[in-house]
Amino acid sequence: MSDCRVKLWSFEVKKLLNRSNVREAYYQAVSNSSWANLGYLVAAEIHNSEDELRLLSGLHGIGVIRINPDDPAKNTIMIPARERLAVDWNIANRLAKENEDFLNYIQLIREFHLTGKIRANEWY
């Protein structure tokens, strides 16, 4: 499935990023998004860790989003993710065997890829 109609995104969401947890959270995002075209670390609060996040993003390509829980329309992409051209289907297949929610997600993507049809109620 290398059709450019489909780009898979992964989000690692945290309440807070600061000097004491930024590396651990970032590497969780790296690990948990290894299958996706785009990976993001998302947090509502980011304190004193912007430089570290820029450095890590330059090395690993995971982007950073500051989420506004009170007004999601005001979310900010602080650092854009570096896109991977191909999905790692070996990892995606392993995750689908281990996680029923992920399997359902992959099945929706497969259906769209094969038919071009979107079941909108399943995507929201």
PDB file of N, CA and C in Angstrom:
ATOM      1  N   MET A   1       0.830  -1.192   0.000  1.00  0.00           N
ATOM      2  CA  MET A   1       0.000   0.000   0.000  1.00  0.00           C
ATOM      3  C   MET A   1       0.873   1.253   0.000  1.00  0.00           C
ATOM      4  N   SER A   2       1.418   1.622  -1.113  1.00  0.00           N
ATOM      5  CA  SER A   2       2.227   2.830  -1.171  1.00  0.00           C
ATOM      6  C   SER A   2       1.481   3.951  -1.879  1.00  0.00           C
ATOM      7  N   ASP A   3       0.180   3.833  -1.949  1.00  0.00           N
ATOM      8  CA  ASP A   3      -0.669   4.838  -2.581  1.00  0.00           C
ATOM      9  C   ASP A   3      -0.605   6.130  -1.787  1.00  0.00           C
ATOM     10  N   CYS A   4      -0.330   7.259  -2.458  1.00  0.00           N
ATOM     11  CA  CYS A   4      -0.207   8.515  -1.723  1.00  0.00           C
ATOM     12  C   CYS A   4      -1.559   9.075  -1.298  1.00  0.00           C
ATOM     13  N   ARG A   5      -2.652   8.377  -1.562  1.00  0.00           N
ATOM     14  CA  ARG A   5      -3.945   8.793  -1.022  1.00  0.00           C
ATOM     15  C   ARG A   5      -3.996   8.575   0.481  1.00  0.00           C
ATOM     16  N   VAL A   6      -3.100   7.752   0.978  1.00  0.00           N
ATOM     17  CA  VAL A   6      -3.115   7.391   2.386  1.00  0.00           C
ATOM     18  C   VAL A   6      -1.780   7.760   3.017  1.00  0.00           C
ATOM     19  N   LYS A   7      -1.821   8.567   4.083  1.00  0.00           N
ATOM     20  CA  LYS A   7      -0.644   8.857   4.902  1.00  0.00           C
ATOM     21  C   LYS A   7      -1.043   8.571   6.338  1.00  0.00           C
ATOM     22  N   LEU A   8      -0.278   7.727   6.980  1.00  0.00           N
ATOM     23  CA  LEU A   8      -0.593   7.331   8.345  1.00  0.00           C
ATOM     24  C   LEU A   8       0.187   8.198   9.333  1.00  0.00           C
ATOM     25  N   TRP A   9      -0.530   8.701  10.319  1.00  0.00           N
ATOM     26  CA  TRP A   9       0.038   9.581  11.338  1.00  0.00           C
ATOM     27  C   TRP A   9      -0.024   8.867  12.682  1.00  0.00           C
ATOM     28  N   SER A  10       0.956   9.170  13.516  1.00  0.00           N
ATOM     29  CA  SER A  10       0.977   8.650  14.874  1.00  0.00           C
ATOM     30  C   SER A  10       1.166   9.820  15.832  1.00  0.00           C
ATOM     31  N   PHE A  11       0.458   9.767  16.962  1.00  0.00           N
ATOM     32  CA  PHE A  11       0.544  10.829  17.962  1.00  0.00           C
ATOM     33  C   PHE A  11       0.816  10.221  19.333  1.00  0.00           C
ATOM     34  N   GLU A  12       1.845  10.682  19.983  1.00  0.00           N
ATOM     35  CA  GLU A  12       2.132  10.344  21.385  1.00  0.00           C
ATOM     36  C   GLU A  12       1.711  11.567  22.187  1.00  0.00           C
ATOM     37  N   VAL A  13       0.725  11.421  23.064  1.00  0.00           N
ATOM     38  CA  VAL A  13       0.134  12.567  23.749  1.00  0.00           C
ATOM     39  C   VAL A  13       0.530  12.557  25.230  1.00  0.00           C
ATOM     40  N   LYS A  14       0.977  13.715  25.694  1.00  0.00           N
ATOM     41  CA  LYS A  14       1.369  13.912  27.094  1.00  0.00           C
ATOM     42  C   LYS A  14       0.709  15.179  27.614  1.00  0.00           C
ATOM     43  N   LYS A  15       0.471  15.230  28.902  1.00  0.00           N
ATOM     44  CA  LYS A  15      -0.047  16.459  29.510  1.00  0.00           C
ATOM     45  C   LYS A  15       1.037  17.526  29.554  1.00  0.00           C
ATOM     46  N   LEU A  16       2.251  17.120  29.937  1.00  0.00           N
ATOM     47  CA  LEU A  16       3.322  18.068  30.210  1.00  0.00           C
ATOM     48  C   LEU A  16       4.649  17.546  29.691  1.00  0.00           C
ATOM     49  N   LEU A  17       5.388  18.422  29.053  1.00  0.00           N
ATOM     50  CA  LEU A  17       6.783  18.140  28.694  1.00  0.00           C
ATOM     51  C   LEU A  17       7.642  19.167  29.415  1.00  0.00           C
ATOM     52  N   ASN A  18       8.664  18.678  30.127  1.00  0.00           N
ATOM     53  CA  ASN A  18       9.615  19.579  30.779  1.00  0.00           C
ATOM     54  C   ASN A  18      10.986  18.906  30.757  1.00  0.00           C
ATOM     55  N   ARG A  19      11.960  19.543  31.361  1.00  0.00           N
ATOM     56  CA  ARG A  19      13.328  19.014  31.319  1.00  0.00           C
ATOM     57  C   ARG A  19      13.437  17.614  31.900  1.00  0.00           C
ATOM     58  N   SER A  20      12.597  17.277  32.845  1.00  0.00           N
ATOM     59  CA  SER A  20      12.734  15.968  33.497  1.00  0.00           C
ATOM     60  C   SER A  20      12.126  14.812  32.694  1.00  0.00           C
ATOM     61  N   ASN A  21      11.225  15.099  31.755  1.00  0.00           N
ATOM     62  CA  ASN A  21      10.586  13.991  31.040  1.00  0.00           C
ATOM     63  C   ASN A  21      10.662  14.095  29.520  1.00  0.00           C
ATOM     64  N   VAL A  22      11.274  15.145  28.990  1.00  0.00           N
ATOM     65  CA  VAL A  22      11.203  15.387  27.550  1.00  0.00           C
ATOM     66  C   VAL A  22      11.875  14.276  26.737  1.00  0.00           C
ATOM     67  N   ARG A  23      13.025  13.803  27.165  1.00  0.00           N
ATOM     68  CA  ARG A  23      13.700  12.741  26.396  1.00  0.00           C
ATOM     69  C   ARG A  23      12.907  11.432  26.428  1.00  0.00           C
ATOM     70  N   GLU A  24      12.439  11.043  27.600  1.00  0.00           N
ATOM     71  CA  GLU A  24      11.659   9.812  27.703  1.00  0.00           C
ATOM     72  C   GLU A  24      10.402   9.895  26.831  1.00  0.00           C
ATOM     73  N   ALA A  25       9.693  11.008  26.912  1.00  0.00           N
ATOM     74  CA  ALA A  25       8.478  11.180  26.107  1.00  0.00           C
ATOM     75  C   ALA A  25       8.805  11.181  24.619  1.00  0.00           C
ATOM     76  N   TYR A  26       9.887  11.855  24.254  1.00  0.00           N
ATOM     77  CA  TYR A  26      10.254  11.927  22.840  1.00  0.00           C
ATOM     78  C   TYR A  26      10.574  10.533  22.302  1.00  0.00           C
ATOM     79  N   TYR A  27      11.360   9.759  23.050  1.00  0.00           N
ATOM     80  CA  TYR A  27      11.728   8.431  22.563  1.00  0.00           C
ATOM     81  C   TYR A  27      10.540   7.466  22.579  1.00  0.00           C
ATOM     82  N   GLN A  28       9.558   7.709  23.430  1.00  0.00           N
ATOM     83  CA  GLN A  28       8.313   6.947  23.335  1.00  0.00           C
ATOM     84  C   GLN A  28       7.630   7.254  22.002  1.00  0.00           C
ATOM     85  N   ALA A  29       7.634   8.526  21.619  1.00  0.00           N
ATOM     86  CA  ALA A  29       7.039   8.916  20.331  1.00  0.00           C
ATOM     87  C   ALA A  29       7.801   8.280  19.178  1.00  0.00           C
ATOM     88  N   VAL A  30       9.121   8.262  19.256  1.00  0.00           N
ATOM     89  CA  VAL A  30       9.938   7.625  18.209  1.00  0.00           C
ATOM     90  C   VAL A  30       9.568   6.153  18.099  1.00  0.00           C
ATOM     91  N   SER A  31       9.547   5.477  19.223  1.00  0.00           N
ATOM     92  CA  SER A  31       9.252   4.043  19.237  1.00  0.00           C
ATOM     93  C   SER A  31       7.839   3.742  18.767  1.00  0.00           C
ATOM     94  N   ASN A  32       6.880   4.513  19.246  1.00  0.00           N
ATOM     95  CA  ASN A  32       5.476   4.230  18.952  1.00  0.00           C
ATOM     96  C   ASN A  32       5.018   4.718  17.588  1.00  0.00           C
ATOM     97  N   SER A  33       5.853   5.432  16.875  1.00  0.00           N
ATOM     98  CA  SER A  33       5.460   5.913  15.543  1.00  0.00           C
ATOM     99  C   SER A  33       6.324   5.307  14.448  1.00  0.00           C
ATOM    100  N   SER A  34       7.080   4.283  14.774  1.00  0.00           N
ATOM    101  CA  SER A  34       8.013   3.720  13.798  1.00  0.00           C
ATOM    102  C   SER A  34       7.323   3.161  12.556  1.00  0.00           C
ATOM    103  N   TRP A  35       6.036   2.896  12.639  1.00  0.00           N
ATOM    104  CA  TRP A  35       5.288   2.331  11.512  1.00  0.00           C
ATOM    105  C   TRP A  35       4.706   3.404  10.599  1.00  0.00           C
ATOM    106  N   ALA A  36       4.601   4.654  11.068  1.00  0.00           N
ATOM    107  CA  ALA A  36       3.802   5.692  10.403  1.00  0.00           C
ATOM    108  C   ALA A  36       4.611   6.547   9.426  1.00  0.00           C
ATOM    109  N   ASN A  37       3.892   7.221   8.529  1.00  0.00           N
ATOM    110  CA  ASN A  37       4.530   8.207   7.651  1.00  0.00           C
ATOM    111  C   ASN A  37       4.965   9.450   8.425  1.00  0.00           C
ATOM    112  N   LEU A  38       4.142   9.850   9.394  1.00  0.00           N
ATOM    113  CA  LEU A  38       4.416  11.054  10.184  1.00  0.00           C
ATOM    114  C   LEU A  38       4.175  10.740  11.655  1.00  0.00           C
ATOM    115  N   GLY A  39       5.100  11.171  12.512  1.00  0.00           N
ATOM    116  CA  GLY A  39       4.960  10.969  13.941  1.00  0.00           C
ATOM    117  C   GLY A  39       5.064  12.290  14.678  1.00  0.00           C
ATOM    118  N   TYR A  40       4.207  12.460  15.674  1.00  0.00           N
ATOM    119  CA  TYR A  40       4.199  13.688  16.464  1.00  0.00           C
ATOM    120  C   TYR A  40       4.154  13.383  17.949  1.00  0.00           C
ATOM    121  N   LEU A  41       4.864  14.210  18.713  1.00  0.00           N
ATOM    122  CA  LEU A  41       4.739  14.266  20.156  1.00  0.00           C
ATOM    123  C   LEU A  41       3.848  15.468  20.453  1.00  0.00           C
ATOM    124  N   VAL A  42       2.791  15.240  21.212  1.00  0.00           N
ATOM    125  CA  VAL A  42       1.777  16.264  21.458  1.00  0.00           C
ATOM    126  C   VAL A  42       1.683  16.512  22.957  1.00  0.00           C
ATOM    127  N   ALA A  43       1.642  17.784  23.359  1.00  0.00           N
ATOM    128  CA  ALA A  43       1.509  18.106  24.788  1.00  0.00           C
ATOM    129  C   ALA A  43       0.735  19.402  24.961  1.00  0.00           C
ATOM    130  N   ALA A  44       0.021  19.483  26.080  1.00  0.00           N
ATOM    131  CA  ALA A  44      -0.701  20.712  26.408  1.00  0.00           C
ATOM    132  C   ALA A  44       0.240  21.756  26.990  1.00  0.00           C
ATOM    133  N   GLU A  45       1.224  21.303  27.762  1.00  0.00           N
ATOM    134  CA  GLU A  45       2.180  22.223  28.370  1.00  0.00           C
ATOM    135  C   GLU A  45       3.598  21.798  27.995  1.00  0.00           C
ATOM    136  N   ILE A  46       4.378  22.762  27.556  1.00  0.00           N
ATOM    137  CA  ILE A  46       5.772  22.509  27.195  1.00  0.00           C
ATOM    138  C   ILE A  46       6.604  23.580  27.893  1.00  0.00           C
ATOM    139  N   HIS A  47       7.436  23.139  28.861  1.00  0.00           N
ATOM    140  CA  HIS A  47       8.214  24.077  29.663  1.00  0.00           C
ATOM    141  C   HIS A  47       9.711  23.805  29.531  1.00  0.00           C
ATOM    142  N   ASN A  48      10.466  24.796  29.154  1.00  0.00           N
ATOM    143  CA  ASN A  48      11.931  24.752  29.161  1.00  0.00           C
ATOM    144  C   ASN A  48      12.510  23.547  28.420  1.00  0.00           C
ATOM    145  N   SER A  49      11.872  23.133  27.341  1.00  0.00           N
ATOM    146  CA  SER A  49      12.387  21.972  26.616  1.00  0.00           C
ATOM    147  C   SER A  49      12.361  22.166  25.108  1.00  0.00           C
ATOM    148  N   GLU A  50      12.087  23.371  24.632  1.00  0.00           N
ATOM    149  CA  GLU A  50      11.976  23.618  23.203  1.00  0.00           C
ATOM    150  C   GLU A  50      13.282  23.328  22.457  1.00  0.00           C
ATOM    151  N   ASP A  51      14.424  23.752  23.026  1.00  0.00           N
ATOM    152  CA  ASP A  51      15.715  23.503  22.371  1.00  0.00           C
ATOM    153  C   ASP A  51      15.997  22.016  22.258  1.00  0.00           C
ATOM    154  N   GLU A  52      15.721  21.276  23.324  1.00  0.00           N
ATOM    155  CA  GLU A  52      15.917  19.828  23.329  1.00  0.00           C
ATOM    156  C   GLU A  52      15.026  19.166  22.275  1.00  0.00           C
ATOM    157  N   LEU A  53      13.780  19.619  22.179  1.00  0.00           N
ATOM    158  CA  LEU A  53      12.855  19.061  21.188  1.00  0.00           C
ATOM    159  C   LEU A  53      13.331  19.327  19.760  1.00  0.00           C
ATOM    160  N   ARG A  54      13.865  20.518  19.499  1.00  0.00           N
ATOM    161  CA  ARG A  54      14.399  20.825  18.160  1.00  0.00           C
ATOM    162  C   ARG A  54      15.589  19.922  17.825  1.00  0.00           C
ATOM    163  N   LEU A  55      16.460  19.717  18.791  1.00  0.00           N
ATOM    164  CA  LEU A  55      17.614  18.840  18.595  1.00  0.00           C
ATOM    165  C   LEU A  55      17.164  17.415  18.286  1.00  0.00           C
ATOM    166  N   LEU A  56      16.263  16.890  19.111  1.00  0.00           N
ATOM    167  CA  LEU A  56      15.778  15.520  18.920  1.00  0.00           C
ATOM    168  C   LEU A  56      15.025  15.373  17.605  1.00  0.00           C
ATOM    169  N   SER A  57      14.248  16.370  17.258  1.00  0.00           N
ATOM    170  CA  SER A  57      13.507  16.315  16.006  1.00  0.00           C
ATOM    171  C   SER A  57      14.452  16.287  14.808  1.00  0.00           C
ATOM    172  N   GLY A  58      15.520  17.063  14.884  1.00  0.00           N
ATOM    173  CA  GLY A  58      16.514  17.046  13.815  1.00  0.00           C
ATOM    174  C   GLY A  58      17.145  15.674  13.645  1.00  0.00           C
ATOM    175  N   LEU A  59      17.297  14.946  14.736  1.00  0.00           N
ATOM    176  CA  LEU A  59      17.898  13.611  14.690  1.00  0.00           C
ATOM    177  C   LEU A  59      16.921  12.530  14.242  1.00  0.00           C
ATOM    178  N   HIS A  60      15.662  12.631  14.699  1.00  0.00           N
ATOM    179  CA  HIS A  60      14.727  11.516  14.525  1.00  0.00           C
ATOM    180  C   HIS A  60      13.476  11.839  13.712  1.00  0.00           C
ATOM    181  N   GLY A  61      13.202  13.114  13.464  1.00  0.00           N
ATOM    182  CA  GLY A  61      12.101  13.479  12.581  1.00  0.00           C
ATOM    183  C   GLY A  61      10.718  13.521  13.181  1.00  0.00           C
ATOM    184  N   ILE A  62      10.600  13.283  14.486  1.00  0.00           N
ATOM    185  CA  ILE A  62       9.294  13.365  15.134  1.00  0.00           C
ATOM    186  C   ILE A  62       8.968  14.834  15.357  1.00  0.00           C
ATOM    187  N   GLY A  63       7.776  15.267  14.954  1.00  0.00           N
ATOM    188  CA  GLY A  63       7.363  16.647  15.128  1.00  0.00           C
ATOM    189  C   GLY A  63       6.767  16.878  16.502  1.00  0.00           C
ATOM    190  N   VAL A  64       6.490  18.142  16.800  1.00  0.00           N
ATOM    191  CA  VAL A  64       5.947  18.507  18.104  1.00  0.00           C
ATOM    192  C   VAL A  64       4.745  19.428  17.903  1.00  0.00           C
ATOM    193  N   ILE A  65       3.670  19.102  18.600  1.00  0.00           N
ATOM    194  CA  ILE A  65       2.451  19.914  18.572  1.00  0.00           C
ATOM    195  C   ILE A  65       2.117  20.335  19.999  1.00  0.00           C
ATOM    196  N   ARG A  66       1.853  21.642  20.169  1.00  0.00           N
ATOM    197  CA  ARG A  66       1.319  22.133  21.445  1.00  0.00           C
ATOM    198  C   ARG A  66      -0.192  22.176  21.267  1.00  0.00           C
ATOM    199  N   ILE A  67      -0.893  21.384  22.078  1.00  0.00           N
ATOM    200  CA  ILE A  67      -2.348  21.302  21.971  1.00  0.00           C
ATOM    201  C   ILE A  67      -2.977  22.280  22.966  1.00  0.00           C
ATOM    202  N   ASN A  68      -4.044  22.901  22.528  1.00  0.00           N
ATOM    203  CA  ASN A  68      -4.794  23.807  23.393  1.00  0.00           C
ATOM    204  C   ASN A  68      -6.087  23.100  23.778  1.00  0.00           C
ATOM    205  N   PRO A  69      -6.141  22.523  24.995  1.00  0.00           N
ATOM    206  CA  PRO A  69      -7.327  21.747  25.374  1.00  0.00           C
ATOM    207  C   PRO A  69      -8.604  22.582  25.446  1.00  0.00           C
ATOM    208  N   ASP A  70      -8.459  23.881  25.663  1.00  0.00           N
ATOM    209  CA  ASP A  70      -9.639  24.750  25.749  1.00  0.00           C
ATOM    210  C   ASP A  70     -10.160  25.175  24.382  1.00  0.00           C
ATOM    211  N   ASP A  71      -9.277  25.202  23.387  1.00  0.00           N
ATOM    212  CA  ASP A  71      -9.658  25.618  22.040  1.00  0.00           C
ATOM    213  C   ASP A  71      -8.804  24.867  21.014  1.00  0.00           C
ATOM    214  N   PRO A  72      -9.207  23.639  20.641  1.00  0.00           N
ATOM    215  CA  PRO A  72      -8.405  22.827  19.728  1.00  0.00           C
ATOM    216  C   PRO A  72      -8.104  23.501  18.388  1.00  0.00           C
ATOM    217  N   ALA A  73      -8.889  24.502  18.003  1.00  0.00           N
ATOM    218  CA  ALA A  73      -8.600  25.221  16.761  1.00  0.00           C
ATOM    219  C   ALA A  73      -7.312  26.028  16.878  1.00  0.00           C
ATOM    220  N   LYS A  74      -6.827  26.205  18.098  1.00  0.00           N
ATOM    221  CA  LYS A  74      -5.612  26.979  18.327  1.00  0.00           C
ATOM    222  C   LYS A  74      -4.402  26.104  18.641  1.00  0.00           C
ATOM    223  N   ASN A  75      -4.443  24.849  18.247  1.00  0.00           N
ATOM    224  CA  ASN A  75      -3.273  23.988  18.382  1.00  0.00           C
ATOM    225  C   ASN A  75      -2.157  24.534  17.501  1.00  0.00           C
ATOM    226  N   THR A  76      -0.911  24.287  17.910  1.00  0.00           N
ATOM    227  CA  THR A  76       0.231  24.831  17.189  1.00  0.00           C
ATOM    228  C   THR A  76       1.216  23.723  16.854  1.00  0.00           C
ATOM    229  N   ILE A  77       1.563  23.599  15.581  1.00  0.00           N
ATOM    230  CA  ILE A  77       2.660  22.716  15.203  1.00  0.00           C
ATOM    231  C   ILE A  77       3.938  23.506  15.436  1.00  0.00           C
ATOM    232  N   MET A  78       4.642  23.164  16.499  1.00  0.00           N
ATOM    233  CA  MET A  78       5.878  23.862  16.836  1.00  0.00           C
ATOM    234  C   MET A  78       7.030  23.414  15.946  1.00  0.00           C
ATOM    235  N   ILE A  79       7.065  22.104  15.681  1.00  0.00           N
ATOM    236  CA  ILE A  79       8.111  21.512  14.847  1.00  0.00           C
ATOM    237  C   ILE A  79       7.420  20.520  13.915  1.00  0.00           C
ATOM    238  N   PRO A  80       7.482  20.731  12.617  1.00  0.00           N
ATOM    239  CA  PRO A  80       6.842  19.781  11.702  1.00  0.00           C
ATOM    240  C   PRO A  80       7.593  18.443  11.686  1.00  0.00           C
ATOM    241  N   ALA A  81       6.851  17.376  11.521  1.00  0.00           N
ATOM    242  CA  ALA A  81       7.444  16.043  11.414  1.00  0.00           C
ATOM    243  C   ALA A  81       8.106  15.878  10.055  1.00  0.00           C
ATOM    244  N   ARG A  82       9.127  15.075  10.027  1.00  0.00           N
ATOM    245  CA  ARG A  82       9.763  14.695   8.759  1.00  0.00           C
ATOM    246  C   ARG A  82       9.033  13.454   8.245  1.00  0.00           C
ATOM    247  N   GLU A  83       8.530  13.540   7.037  1.00  0.00           N
ATOM    248  CA  GLU A  83       7.715  12.458   6.480  1.00  0.00           C
ATOM    249  C   GLU A  83       8.570  11.288   6.028  1.00  0.00           C
ATOM    250  N   ARG A  84       8.114  10.101   6.367  1.00  0.00           N
ATOM    251  CA  ARG A  84       8.704   8.870   5.824  1.00  0.00           C
ATOM    252  C   ARG A  84       7.861   8.491   4.618  1.00  0.00           C
ATOM    253  N   LEU A  85       8.509   8.157   3.533  1.00  0.00           N
ATOM    254  CA  LEU A  85       7.778   7.873   2.304  1.00  0.00           C
ATOM    255  C   LEU A  85       6.999   6.564   2.360  1.00  0.00           C
ATOM    256  N   ALA A  86       7.476   5.629   3.155  1.00  0.00           N
ATOM    257  CA  ALA A  86       6.813   4.326   3.198  1.00  0.00           C
ATOM    258  C   ALA A  86       6.416   3.973   4.630  1.00  0.00           C
ATOM    259  N   VAL A  87       5.306   3.310   4.756  1.00  0.00           N
ATOM    260  CA  VAL A  87       4.857   2.770   6.035  1.00  0.00           C
ATOM    261  C   VAL A  87       5.633   1.483   6.276  1.00  0.00           C
ATOM    262  N   ASP A  88       6.038   1.248   7.500  1.00  0.00           N
ATOM    263  CA  ASP A  88       6.691  -0.016   7.849  1.00  0.00           C
ATOM    264  C   ASP A  88       5.592  -1.036   8.151  1.00  0.00           C
ATOM    265  N   TRP A  89       5.197  -1.781   7.124  1.00  0.00           N
ATOM    266  CA  TRP A  89       4.067  -2.707   7.262  1.00  0.00           C
ATOM    267  C   TRP A  89       4.395  -3.898   8.147  1.00  0.00           C
ATOM    268  N   ASN A  90       5.674  -4.251   8.280  1.00  0.00           N
ATOM    269  CA  ASN A  90       6.023  -5.337   9.203  1.00  0.00           C
ATOM    270  C   ASN A  90       5.661  -4.947  10.633  1.00  0.00           C
ATOM    271  N   ILE A  91       6.002  -3.739  11.034  1.00  0.00           N
ATOM    272  CA  ILE A  91       5.668  -3.266  12.376  1.00  0.00           C
ATOM    273  C   ILE A  91       4.156  -3.067  12.500  1.00  0.00           C
ATOM    274  N   ALA A  92       3.533  -2.478  11.481  1.00  0.00           N
ATOM    275  CA  ALA A  92       2.083  -2.263  11.532  1.00  0.00           C
ATOM    276  C   ALA A  92       1.339  -3.593  11.679  1.00  0.00           C
ATOM    277  N   ASN A  93       1.765  -4.606  10.959  1.00  0.00           N
ATOM    278  CA  ASN A  93       1.118  -5.921  11.057  1.00  0.00           C
ATOM    279  C   ASN A  93       1.312  -6.536  12.437  1.00  0.00           C
ATOM    280  N   ARG A  94       2.502  -6.379  13.017  1.00  0.00           N
ATOM    281  CA  ARG A  94       2.752  -6.896  14.360  1.00  0.00           C
ATOM    282  C   ARG A  94       1.852  -6.189  15.376  1.00  0.00           C
ATOM    283  N   LEU A  95       1.751  -4.870  15.258  1.00  0.00           N
ATOM    284  CA  LEU A  95       0.886  -4.109  16.162  1.00  0.00           C
ATOM    285  C   LEU A  95      -0.579  -4.507  16.004  1.00  0.00           C
ATOM    286  N   ALA A  96      -0.999  -4.753  14.774  1.00  0.00           N
ATOM    287  CA  ALA A  96      -2.388  -5.147  14.525  1.00  0.00           C
ATOM    288  C   ALA A  96      -2.705  -6.494  15.177  1.00  0.00           C
ATOM    289  N   LYS A  97      -1.724  -7.387  15.251  1.00  0.00           N
ATOM    290  CA  LYS A  97      -1.932  -8.671  15.918  1.00  0.00           C
ATOM    291  C   LYS A  97      -2.040  -8.513  17.436  1.00  0.00           C
ATOM    292  N   GLU A  98      -1.385  -7.468  17.961  1.00  0.00           N
ATOM    293  CA  GLU A  98      -1.333  -7.265  19.412  1.00  0.00           C
ATOM    294  C   GLU A  98      -2.424  -6.337  19.935  1.00  0.00           C
ATOM    295  N   ASN A  99      -3.019  -5.538  19.054  1.00  0.00           N
ATOM    296  CA  ASN A  99      -3.926  -4.485  19.517  1.00  0.00           C
ATOM    297  C   ASN A  99      -5.149  -4.425  18.603  1.00  0.00           C
ATOM    298  N   GLU A 100      -6.298  -4.775  19.134  1.00  0.00           N
ATOM    299  CA  GLU A 100      -7.522  -4.831  18.336  1.00  0.00           C
ATOM    300  C   GLU A 100      -7.916  -3.458  17.783  1.00  0.00           C
ATOM    301  N   ASP A 101      -7.715  -2.396  18.552  1.00  0.00           N
ATOM    302  CA  ASP A 101      -8.031  -1.050  18.061  1.00  0.00           C
ATOM    303  C   ASP A 101      -7.167  -0.703  16.851  1.00  0.00           C
ATOM    304  N   PHE A 102      -5.892  -1.050  16.925  1.00  0.00           N
ATOM    305  CA  PHE A 102      -4.998  -0.772  15.800  1.00  0.00           C
ATOM    306  C   PHE A 102      -5.394  -1.620  14.592  1.00  0.00           C
ATOM    307  N   LEU A 103      -5.789  -2.862  14.832  1.00  0.00           N
ATOM    308  CA  LEU A 103      -6.267  -3.724  13.749  1.00  0.00           C
ATOM    309  C   LEU A 103      -7.461  -3.086  13.054  1.00  0.00           C
ATOM    310  N   ASN A 104      -8.413  -2.567  13.822  1.00  0.00           N
ATOM    311  CA  ASN A 104      -9.585  -1.905  13.230  1.00  0.00           C
ATOM    312  C   ASN A 104      -9.162  -0.702  12.393  1.00  0.00           C
ATOM    313  N   TYR A 105      -8.211   0.060  12.884  1.00  0.00           N
ATOM    314  CA  TYR A 105      -7.667   1.220  12.159  1.00  0.00           C
ATOM    315  C   TYR A 105      -7.065   0.777  10.820  1.00  0.00           C
ATOM    316  N   ILE A 106      -6.250  -0.249  10.849  1.00  0.00           N
ATOM    317  CA  ILE A 106      -5.611  -0.754   9.626  1.00  0.00           C
ATOM    318  C   ILE A 106      -6.661  -1.297   8.658  1.00  0.00           C
ATOM    319  N   GLN A 107      -7.691  -1.939   9.173  1.00  0.00           N
ATOM    320  CA  GLN A 107      -8.760  -2.455   8.308  1.00  0.00           C
ATOM    321  C   GLN A 107      -9.503  -1.316   7.610  1.00  0.00           C
ATOM    322  N   LEU A 108      -9.738  -0.208   8.321  1.00  0.00           N
ATOM    323  CA  LEU A 108     -10.370   0.953   7.690  1.00  0.00           C
ATOM    324  C   LEU A 108      -9.489   1.517   6.570  1.00  0.00           C
ATOM    325  N   ILE A 109      -8.211   1.566   6.813  1.00  0.00           N
ATOM    326  CA  ILE A 109      -7.274   2.064   5.797  1.00  0.00           C
ATOM    327  C   ILE A 109      -7.261   1.136   4.583  1.00  0.00           C
ATOM    328  N   ARG A 110      -7.234  -0.159   4.845  1.00  0.00           N
ATOM    329  CA  ARG A 110      -7.241  -1.135   3.745  1.00  0.00           C
ATOM    330  C   ARG A 110      -8.515  -0.990   2.903  1.00  0.00           C
ATOM    331  N   GLU A 111      -9.661  -0.860   3.575  1.00  0.00           N
ATOM    332  CA  GLU A 111     -10.927  -0.707   2.855  1.00  0.00           C
ATOM    333  C   GLU A 111     -10.893   0.543   1.973  1.00  0.00           C
ATOM    334  N   PHE A 112     -10.398   1.649   2.530  1.00  0.00           N
ATOM    335  CA  PHE A 112     -10.295   2.878   1.741  1.00  0.00           C
ATOM    336  C   PHE A 112      -9.355   2.672   0.557  1.00  0.00           C
ATOM    337  N   HIS A 113      -8.226   2.044   0.791  1.00  0.00           N
ATOM    338  CA  HIS A 113      -7.250   1.824  -0.276  1.00  0.00           C
ATOM    339  C   HIS A 113      -7.833   0.977  -1.409  1.00  0.00           C
ATOM    340  N   LEU A 114      -8.593  -0.048  -1.044  1.00  0.00           N
ATOM    341  CA  LEU A 114      -9.140  -0.950  -2.057  1.00  0.00           C
ATOM    342  C   LEU A 114     -10.358  -0.377  -2.781  1.00  0.00           C
ATOM    343  N   THR A 115     -11.187   0.387  -2.059  1.00  0.00           N
ATOM    344  CA  THR A 115     -12.455   0.833  -2.641  1.00  0.00           C
ATOM    345  C   THR A 115     -12.543   2.334  -2.871  1.00  0.00           C
ATOM    346  N   GLY A 116     -11.718   3.103  -2.163  1.00  0.00           N
ATOM    347  CA  GLY A 116     -11.816   4.561  -2.239  1.00  0.00           C
ATOM    348  C   GLY A 116     -12.963   5.108  -1.420  1.00  0.00           C
ATOM    349  N   LYS A 117     -13.672   4.241  -0.706  1.00  0.00           N
ATOM    350  CA  LYS A 117     -14.822   4.666   0.085  1.00  0.00           C
ATOM    351  C   LYS A 117     -14.419   4.892   1.538  1.00  0.00           C
ATOM    352  N   ILE A 118     -14.998   5.947   2.113  1.00  0.00           N
ATOM    353  CA  ILE A 118     -14.753   6.279   3.509  1.00  0.00           C
ATOM    354  C   ILE A 118     -16.053   6.084   4.287  1.00  0.00           C
ATOM    355  N   ARG A 119     -15.956   5.351   5.371  1.00  0.00           N
ATOM    356  CA  ARG A 119     -17.093   5.248   6.286  1.00  0.00           C
ATOM    357  C   ARG A 119     -16.883   6.322   7.350  1.00  0.00           C
ATOM    358  N   ALA A 120     -17.426   7.504   7.078  1.00  0.00           N
ATOM    359  CA  ALA A 120     -17.135   8.691   7.903  1.00  0.00           C
ATOM    360  C   ALA A 120     -17.405   8.455   9.387  1.00  0.00           C
ATOM    361  N   ASN A 121     -18.448   7.735   9.710  1.00  0.00           N
ATOM    362  CA  ASN A 121     -18.771   7.506  11.120  1.00  0.00           C
ATOM    363  C   ASN A 121     -17.690   6.690  11.826  1.00  0.00           C
ATOM    364  N   GLU A 122     -16.865   5.969  11.090  1.00  0.00           N
ATOM    365  CA  GLU A 122     -15.788   5.169  11.676  1.00  0.00           C
ATOM    366  C   GLU A 122     -14.516   5.970  11.906  1.00  0.00           C
ATOM    367  N   TRP A 123     -14.402   7.134  11.310  1.00  0.00           N
ATOM    368  CA  TRP A 123     -13.152   7.896  11.369  1.00  0.00           C
ATOM    369  C   TRP A 123     -13.157   8.961  12.442  1.00  0.00           C
ATOM    370  N   TYR A 124     -14.282   9.233  13.053  1.00  0.00           N
ATOM    371  CA  TYR A 124     -14.335  10.330  14.014  1.00  0.00           C
ATOM    372  C   TYR A 124     -14.572   9.836  15.406  1.00  0.00           C
TER     373      TYR A 124
END
